[in-house]
Amino acid sequence: MTKFLLLGFSDVRELQILYLVMSLMIYLAALMGNLLIIMVVALDHYLHTPMYFFLVNLAILDIGSISVTIPKSMANSLMNTRSISYSGCVVQIFLFVFFVSGDVALLTIMVYDRYVAICKPLHYERVMNRRACVQMAASAWISSVLYSALHTGNTFSISFCGGNMVDQFFCEIPQILKLACTDSYLSENGVMAFRVCLVLSSFVLIIASYVQIFKTVLRIPLEQGRHKAFSTCLPRLIVISLFVSTVFFTYLKPTSSSMSGLDLVAAVLYFMLLPVMNPIIYSMRNKEIKAALRTLTRWRLLTKKEMSVSLS
């Protein structure tokens, strides 16, 4: 097998162009939002804290995860083709699993950071020191690389005898396994079950941390403080819950011969939800990011004004 044929959005050229435009808008919005977070945190030294250090790592992973899938899908729509090479499919699966696994790990670490900050504020500087933060981030990246290598190698070590039609817009492991011979993918199913267990354990840790955070928040005497904490934590919890739900649906549902509309919706949420929603939750709803952005904008305007005065 030298190539796979991906699922096309439509055979109608006008609808293909519509899909291309919509995908481009979503991709650029996610790209600009995450790049904005990286730029603001890098330029404002007041944001050089553990939470924003992890946020920069999350933004890098989000850019990677959405860049692995959408550009290839857009290129196929533009050129009116559906093919992807065998090696291209291997690379796409490796990178996608790597970035998504890193996302889950970083989100878990960030929730732990908030748990220590809110529930154990006197121990925060000792627990979340610079060395601990670097070690946590490095462990998330390294473990994601190793896990992705295991997952990808195990997937493509099996024998394929079911054609080369992939019922998805990108190379996805559950859809690739449909093409495998019936007796050759049992080991990969074990790895997928292990992946679901990892995501579930991360989700349980996140829920347990948020329960402790909400208990602490409810003891805050000021109603304004409680409202601020809930408005910050609840959107993050909703997005994480949606993402985990789509992961469970994708990897635990019974295999079928054809792709349903619900499968497509779950797939879109699976690879677009976090990269698009994380910048909205962590920047547009974040007063510190907004204040830093306003400061950088004023500084840029003053710099331009001084340059124009000096030139005149």
Protein backbone atom coordinates (compact mmCIF):
# COMPACT_ATOMS: atom_id res chain seq x y z
CA MET A 1 0.00 0.00 0.00
CA THR A 2 1.50 3.32 -1.10
CA LYS A 3 -1.32 5.76 -0.28
CA PHE A 4 -4.67 6.20 1.46
CA LEU A 5 -7.80 7.95 0.19
CA LEU A 6 -9.31 10.33 2.74
CA LEU A 7 -12.96 11.27 3.08
CA GLY A 8 -13.94 14.15 0.82
CA PHE A 9 -16.21 16.94 2.03
CA SER A 10 -18.28 16.91 -1.14
CA ASP A 11 -18.08 16.09 -4.82
CA VAL A 12 -19.62 19.48 -5.66
CA ARG A 13 -16.86 21.98 -6.42
CA GLU A 14 -18.72 24.94 -4.89
CA LEU A 15 -19.12 23.08 -1.59
CA GLN A 16 -15.45 22.17 -1.66
CA ILE A 17 -14.57 25.87 -1.95
CA LEU A 18 -16.99 26.67 0.90
CA TYR A 19 -15.32 24.04 3.08
CA LEU A 20 -11.91 25.45 2.14
CA VAL A 21 -12.91 29.00 3.15
CA MET A 22 -14.49 27.89 6.43
CA SER A 23 -11.51 25.71 7.33
CA LEU A 24 -9.12 28.55 6.49
CA MET A 25 -11.03 30.96 8.74
CA ILE A 26 -11.05 28.50 11.64
CA TYR A 27 -7.37 27.69 11.16
CA LEU A 28 -6.31 31.35 11.02
CA ALA A 29 -8.42 32.18 14.10
CA ALA A 30 -6.79 29.36 16.08
CA LEU A 31 -3.34 30.24 14.77
CA MET A 32 -3.61 33.97 15.55
CA GLY A 33 -5.17 33.36 18.96
CA ASN A 34 -2.43 31.00 20.10
CA LEU A 35 0.36 33.11 18.58
CA LEU A 36 -1.08 36.14 20.39
CA ILE A 37 -0.84 34.29 23.72
CA ILE A 38 2.79 33.32 23.04
CA MET A 39 3.75 36.86 22.00
CA VAL A 40 2.06 38.64 24.92
CA VAL A 41 3.47 36.28 27.55
CA ALA A 42 6.96 36.47 26.04
CA LEU A 43 7.01 40.29 25.94
CA ASP A 44 5.38 41.06 29.30
CA HIS A 45 7.62 40.06 32.21
CA TYR A 46 4.69 40.40 34.64
CA LEU A 47 3.24 37.29 33.00
CA HIS A 48 6.35 35.18 33.59
CA THR A 49 4.54 33.00 36.14
CA PRO A 50 3.93 29.22 36.25
CA MET A 51 0.38 29.49 34.90
CA TYR A 52 1.43 31.47 31.83
CA PHE A 53 4.52 29.32 31.32
CA PHE A 54 2.23 26.30 30.98
CA LEU A 55 -0.16 28.35 28.85
CA VAL A 56 2.61 29.08 26.32
CA ASN A 57 3.39 25.36 26.12
CA LEU A 58 -0.32 24.65 25.60
CA ALA A 59 -0.53 27.26 22.83
CA ILE A 60 2.44 25.68 21.01
CA LEU A 61 0.80 22.25 21.20
CA ASP A 62 -2.53 23.67 19.98
CA ILE A 63 -0.84 25.26 16.96
CA GLY A 64 0.80 21.94 16.19
CA SER A 65 -2.34 19.81 16.56
CA ILE A 66 -4.49 21.96 14.26
CA SER A 67 -1.64 22.43 11.75
CA VAL A 68 -1.25 18.67 11.33
CA THR A 69 -4.79 18.10 10.04
CA ILE A 70 -6.44 21.19 8.56
CA PRO A 71 -3.79 22.35 6.01
CA LYS A 72 -3.69 18.92 4.33
CA SER A 73 -7.49 18.79 4.23
CA MET A 74 -7.60 22.29 2.71
CA ALA A 75 -4.95 21.39 0.14
CA ASN A 76 -6.97 18.33 -0.91
CA SER A 77 -10.11 20.46 -1.34
CA LEU A 78 -8.18 23.05 -3.34
CA MET A 79 -6.64 20.46 -5.67
CA ASN A 80 -9.80 18.34 -5.79
CA THR A 81 -8.05 15.22 -4.56
CA ARG A 82 -8.37 12.91 -1.55
CA SER A 83 -5.06 11.04 -1.47
CA ILE A 84 -2.36 11.05 1.19
CA SER A 85 0.82 9.02 0.93
CA TYR A 86 1.53 6.13 3.28
CA SER A 87 4.46 7.97 4.86
CA GLY A 88 2.38 11.15 5.09
CA CYS A 89 -0.31 9.24 6.96
CA VAL A 90 2.27 7.82 9.38
CA VAL A 91 3.69 11.29 10.08
CA GLN A 92 0.19 12.79 10.47
CA ILE A 93 -0.88 10.18 13.02
CA PHE A 94 2.39 10.45 14.97
CA LEU A 95 2.22 14.25 15.20
CA PHE A 96 -1.51 14.36 15.93
CA VAL A 97 -1.27 11.80 18.76
CA PHE A 98 1.79 13.62 20.10
CA PHE A 99 0.15 17.05 20.18
CA VAL A 100 -3.19 15.85 21.54
CA SER A 101 -1.51 13.75 24.26
CA GLY A 102 0.58 16.77 25.19
CA ASP A 103 -2.59 18.87 25.34
CA VAL A 104 -4.18 16.48 27.83
CA ALA A 105 -1.02 16.38 29.95
CA LEU A 106 -0.64 20.18 29.98
CA LEU A 107 -4.31 20.73 30.83
CA THR A 108 -3.94 18.36 33.79
CA ILE A 109 -0.82 20.19 34.97
CA MET A 110 -2.53 23.58 34.62
CA VAL A 111 -5.49 22.43 36.71
CA TYR A 112 -3.04 21.20 39.36
CA ASP A 113 -1.36 24.62 39.27
CA ARG A 114 -4.72 26.33 39.94
CA TYR A 115 -5.48 23.81 42.68
CA VAL A 116 -2.25 24.66 44.52
CA ALA A 117 -2.75 28.42 43.96
CA ILE A 118 -6.33 28.46 45.30
CA CYS A 119 -6.40 25.64 47.85
CA LYS A 120 -2.82 25.88 49.17
CA PRO A 121 -1.71 29.47 48.48
CA LEU A 122 0.93 29.53 51.26
CA HIS A 123 2.77 26.61 49.64
CA TYR A 124 2.43 27.82 46.04
CA GLU A 125 5.89 29.34 45.57
CA ARG A 126 7.56 26.30 47.11
CA VAL A 127 5.56 23.71 45.14
CA MET A 128 5.42 25.52 41.79
CA ASN A 129 8.99 26.80 41.65
CA ARG A 130 10.86 27.29 38.37
CA ARG A 131 12.57 23.90 38.47
CA ALA A 132 9.31 22.04 39.19
CA CYS A 133 7.53 23.84 36.34
CA VAL A 134 10.26 23.01 33.83
CA GLN A 135 10.27 19.37 34.95
CA MET A 136 6.48 19.11 34.62
CA ALA A 137 6.47 20.64 31.13
CA ALA A 138 9.42 18.50 29.99
CA SER A 139 7.76 15.34 31.30
CA ALA A 140 4.59 16.20 29.36
CA TRP A 141 6.53 16.67 26.10
CA ILE A 142 8.77 13.60 26.53
CA SER A 143 5.98 11.25 27.59
CA SER A 144 3.84 12.44 24.66
CA VAL A 145 6.65 11.69 22.18
CA LEU A 146 7.19 8.21 23.61
CA TYR A 147 3.50 7.43 23.72
CA SER A 148 2.94 8.68 20.18
CA ALA A 149 5.86 6.59 18.90
CA LEU A 150 4.42 3.49 20.59
CA HIS A 151 0.92 4.16 19.25
CA THR A 152 2.02 4.93 15.69
CA GLY A 153 4.51 2.07 15.45
CA ASN A 154 1.95 -0.40 16.75
CA THR A 155 -0.70 0.85 14.31
CA PHE A 156 1.43 0.52 11.17
CA SER A 157 3.00 -2.78 12.16
CA ILE A 158 -0.30 -4.52 11.38
CA SER A 159 -1.32 -5.96 8.00
CA PHE A 160 -3.89 -4.13 5.87
CA CYS A 161 -6.29 -6.07 3.70
CA GLY A 162 -9.41 -3.89 3.68
CA GLY A 163 -8.58 -1.45 0.88
CA ASN A 164 -7.22 2.07 1.33
CA MET A 165 -10.39 4.18 1.85
CA VAL A 166 -10.23 6.10 5.17
CA ASP A 167 -13.63 7.36 6.39
CA GLN A 168 -12.24 10.57 7.86
CA PHE A 169 -10.86 13.95 6.74
CA PHE A 170 -7.45 13.00 8.14
CA CYS A 171 -5.60 9.83 9.10
CA GLU A 172 -7.21 8.65 12.32
CA ILE A 173 -6.28 5.43 14.09
CA PRO A 174 -9.81 3.99 14.55
CA GLN A 175 -10.49 4.49 10.83
CA ILE A 176 -7.10 3.03 9.85
CA LEU A 177 -7.81 -0.06 11.96
CA LYS A 178 -10.94 -0.71 9.90
CA LEU A 179 -8.60 -1.53 7.02
CA ALA A 180 -6.60 -4.06 9.05
CA CYS A 181 -6.90 -7.80 8.77
CA THR A 182 -9.18 -9.11 11.51
CA ASP A 183 -6.47 -11.02 13.35
CA SER A 184 -3.72 -8.39 13.30
CA TYR A 185 -4.98 -5.42 15.30
CA LEU A 186 -5.60 -6.94 18.74
CA SER A 187 -2.38 -5.47 20.16
CA GLU A 188 -3.31 -1.99 18.89
CA ASN A 189 -6.71 -2.30 20.53
CA GLY A 190 -4.84 -2.87 23.79
CA VAL A 191 -2.83 0.33 23.22
CA MET A 192 -6.04 2.23 22.45
CA ALA A 193 -7.61 0.93 25.67
CA PHE A 194 -4.49 2.11 27.50
CA ARG A 195 -4.90 5.53 25.90
CA VAL A 196 -8.52 5.77 27.02
CA CYS A 197 -7.46 4.82 30.54
CA LEU A 198 -4.82 7.57 30.52
CA VAL A 199 -7.33 10.18 29.35
CA LEU A 200 -9.87 8.95 31.90
CA SER A 201 -7.34 9.12 34.74
CA SER A 202 -6.37 12.68 33.70
CA PHE A 203 -10.04 13.63 33.58
CA VAL A 204 -10.64 12.16 37.05
CA LEU A 205 -7.68 14.16 38.40
CA ILE A 206 -9.05 17.31 36.76
CA ILE A 207 -12.53 16.76 38.21
CA ALA A 208 -11.12 16.01 41.68
CA SER A 209 -9.00 19.18 41.54
CA TYR A 210 -11.97 21.30 40.45
CA VAL A 211 -14.12 19.84 43.26
CA GLN A 212 -11.51 20.98 45.79
CA ILE A 213 -11.23 24.36 44.05
CA PHE A 214 -15.01 24.88 44.13
CA LYS A 215 -15.13 23.91 47.82
CA THR A 216 -12.49 26.51 48.58
CA VAL A 217 -14.20 29.12 46.40
CA LEU A 218 -17.54 28.62 48.16
CA ARG A 219 -15.87 29.65 51.40
CA ILE A 220 -14.91 33.03 49.91
CA PRO A 221 -17.03 35.64 51.74
CA LEU A 222 -17.29 38.08 48.84
CA GLU A 223 -19.85 37.17 46.18
CA GLN A 224 -17.81 38.97 43.51
CA GLY A 225 -14.80 36.74 44.23
CA ARG A 226 -16.92 33.60 43.99
CA HIS A 227 -18.45 34.76 40.70
CA LYS A 228 -15.01 35.51 39.24
CA ALA A 229 -13.67 32.08 40.22
CA PHE A 230 -16.69 30.23 38.84
CA SER A 231 -16.71 32.22 35.58
CA THR A 232 -13.03 31.33 35.12
CA CYS A 233 -13.18 27.64 36.02
CA LEU A 234 -16.52 26.54 34.55
CA PRO A 235 -15.74 27.32 30.84
CA ARG A 236 -12.45 25.40 31.13
CA LEU A 237 -14.23 22.44 32.72
CA ILE A 238 -16.92 22.44 30.00
CA VAL A 239 -14.36 22.46 27.17
CA ILE A 240 -12.29 19.69 28.78
CA SER A 241 -15.45 17.61 29.34
CA LEU A 242 -16.50 18.02 25.69
CA PHE A 243 -13.05 17.02 24.49
CA VAL A 244 -12.88 13.94 26.72
CA SER A 245 -16.40 12.95 25.63
CA THR A 246 -15.40 13.07 21.95
CA VAL A 247 -12.27 11.00 22.70
CA PHE A 248 -14.37 8.35 24.42
CA PHE A 249 -16.91 8.38 21.60
CA THR A 250 -14.20 8.06 18.95
CA TYR A 251 -12.24 5.25 20.57
CA LEU A 252 -14.89 3.26 22.45
CA LYS A 253 -17.85 3.19 20.06
CA PRO A 254 -18.43 -0.02 18.08
CA THR A 255 -16.83 0.00 14.64
CA SER A 256 -19.14 0.43 11.67
CA SER A 257 -18.63 0.10 7.95
CA SER A 258 -19.71 3.66 7.15
CA MET A 259 -19.17 7.10 8.67
CA SER A 260 -22.25 8.66 10.30
CA GLY A 261 -22.99 12.34 10.79
CA LEU A 262 -22.39 11.97 14.53
CA ASP A 263 -18.96 10.50 13.81
CA LEU A 264 -18.07 13.56 11.71
CA VAL A 265 -19.26 15.99 14.41
CA ALA A 266 -17.23 14.13 17.04
CA ALA A 267 -14.16 14.18 14.77
CA VAL A 268 -14.45 17.94 14.16
CA LEU A 269 -14.77 18.59 17.92
CA TYR A 270 -11.92 16.17 18.55
CA PHE A 271 -9.28 18.00 16.50
CA MET A 272 -10.65 21.57 16.43
CA LEU A 273 -12.17 22.16 19.87
CA LEU A 274 -9.09 22.70 22.04
CA PRO A 275 -6.98 24.77 19.57
CA VAL A 276 -9.93 27.12 18.90
CA MET A 277 -11.40 27.37 22.40
CA ASN A 278 -8.22 27.57 24.49
CA PRO A 279 -7.23 31.05 23.19
CA ILE A 280 -10.77 32.30 23.84
CA ILE A 281 -10.87 30.95 27.39
CA TYR A 282 -7.31 31.85 28.38
CA SER A 283 -6.91 35.21 26.60
CA MET A 284 -10.19 36.92 25.69
CA ARG A 285 -11.63 36.10 29.14
CA ASN A 286 -8.38 36.84 30.96
CA LYS A 287 -7.95 40.35 32.39
CA GLU A 288 -4.18 40.01 32.78
CA ILE A 289 -3.73 39.06 29.11
CA LYS A 290 -6.01 41.95 28.07
CA ALA A 291 -4.09 44.41 30.24
CA ALA A 292 -0.75 43.19 28.86
CA LEU A 293 -2.07 43.49 25.31
CA ARG A 294 -3.24 47.07 25.92
CA THR A 295 0.15 47.94 27.43
CA LEU A 296 2.00 46.49 24.44
CA THR A 297 -0.30 48.35 22.04
CA ARG A 298 0.30 51.68 23.82
CA TRP A 299 4.06 51.04 23.88
CA ARG A 300 4.03 50.32 20.15
CA LEU A 301 2.09 53.51 19.40
CA LEU A 302 4.46 55.59 21.55
CA THR A 303 7.46 54.03 19.81
CA LYS A 304 6.03 54.86 16.39
CA LYS A 305 5.31 58.42 17.51
CA GLU A 306 8.84 58.91 18.85
CA MET A 307 10.33 57.54 15.62
CA SER A 308 8.22 59.89 13.52
CA VAL A 309 9.24 62.88 15.69
CA SER A 310 12.93 61.97 15.49
CA LEU A 311 12.75 61.57 11.71
CA SER A 312 11.02 64.93 11.31
